């Protein structure tokens, strides 16, 4: 499946309330994030500026709610058909922004390897709750 060098691994969870607008918002936000080091070692460069790529992996388990009990509830995750549509929309939006975007296999068990040159992990939420 997909493989990139320098860039971002995006674990994309889709909720049952997400829309095309949410996919477009996240794509634009991710493309514009200034989180890569410049010549002075400051987080000041975007994916385009470093000729980076995106590896987009669908991850419905991000919506696992464990606030009650010991077993996660996935009630807030989108149904697979809708999640696939928005995942594909997100990937298309990233590509329309001129970035290379590789993908995992939707709705499949995968082994994902990450070499984190950071450590930088950022949570983005299109509903802007945090």
Foldseek 3Di string as FASTA:
>chain_A
DDDWDDDEEAADFAFQPDDLVLLLVVLVCQQPQQQDQDPVGDSGHGCVRVLGAYEYEYDLCVQFDPPDDDGTDSNGGHDQVVSVVSSVSNQVSNVVVVHHYHYDDRPDDDDDDDDCPPVDDDDDDSVPPD
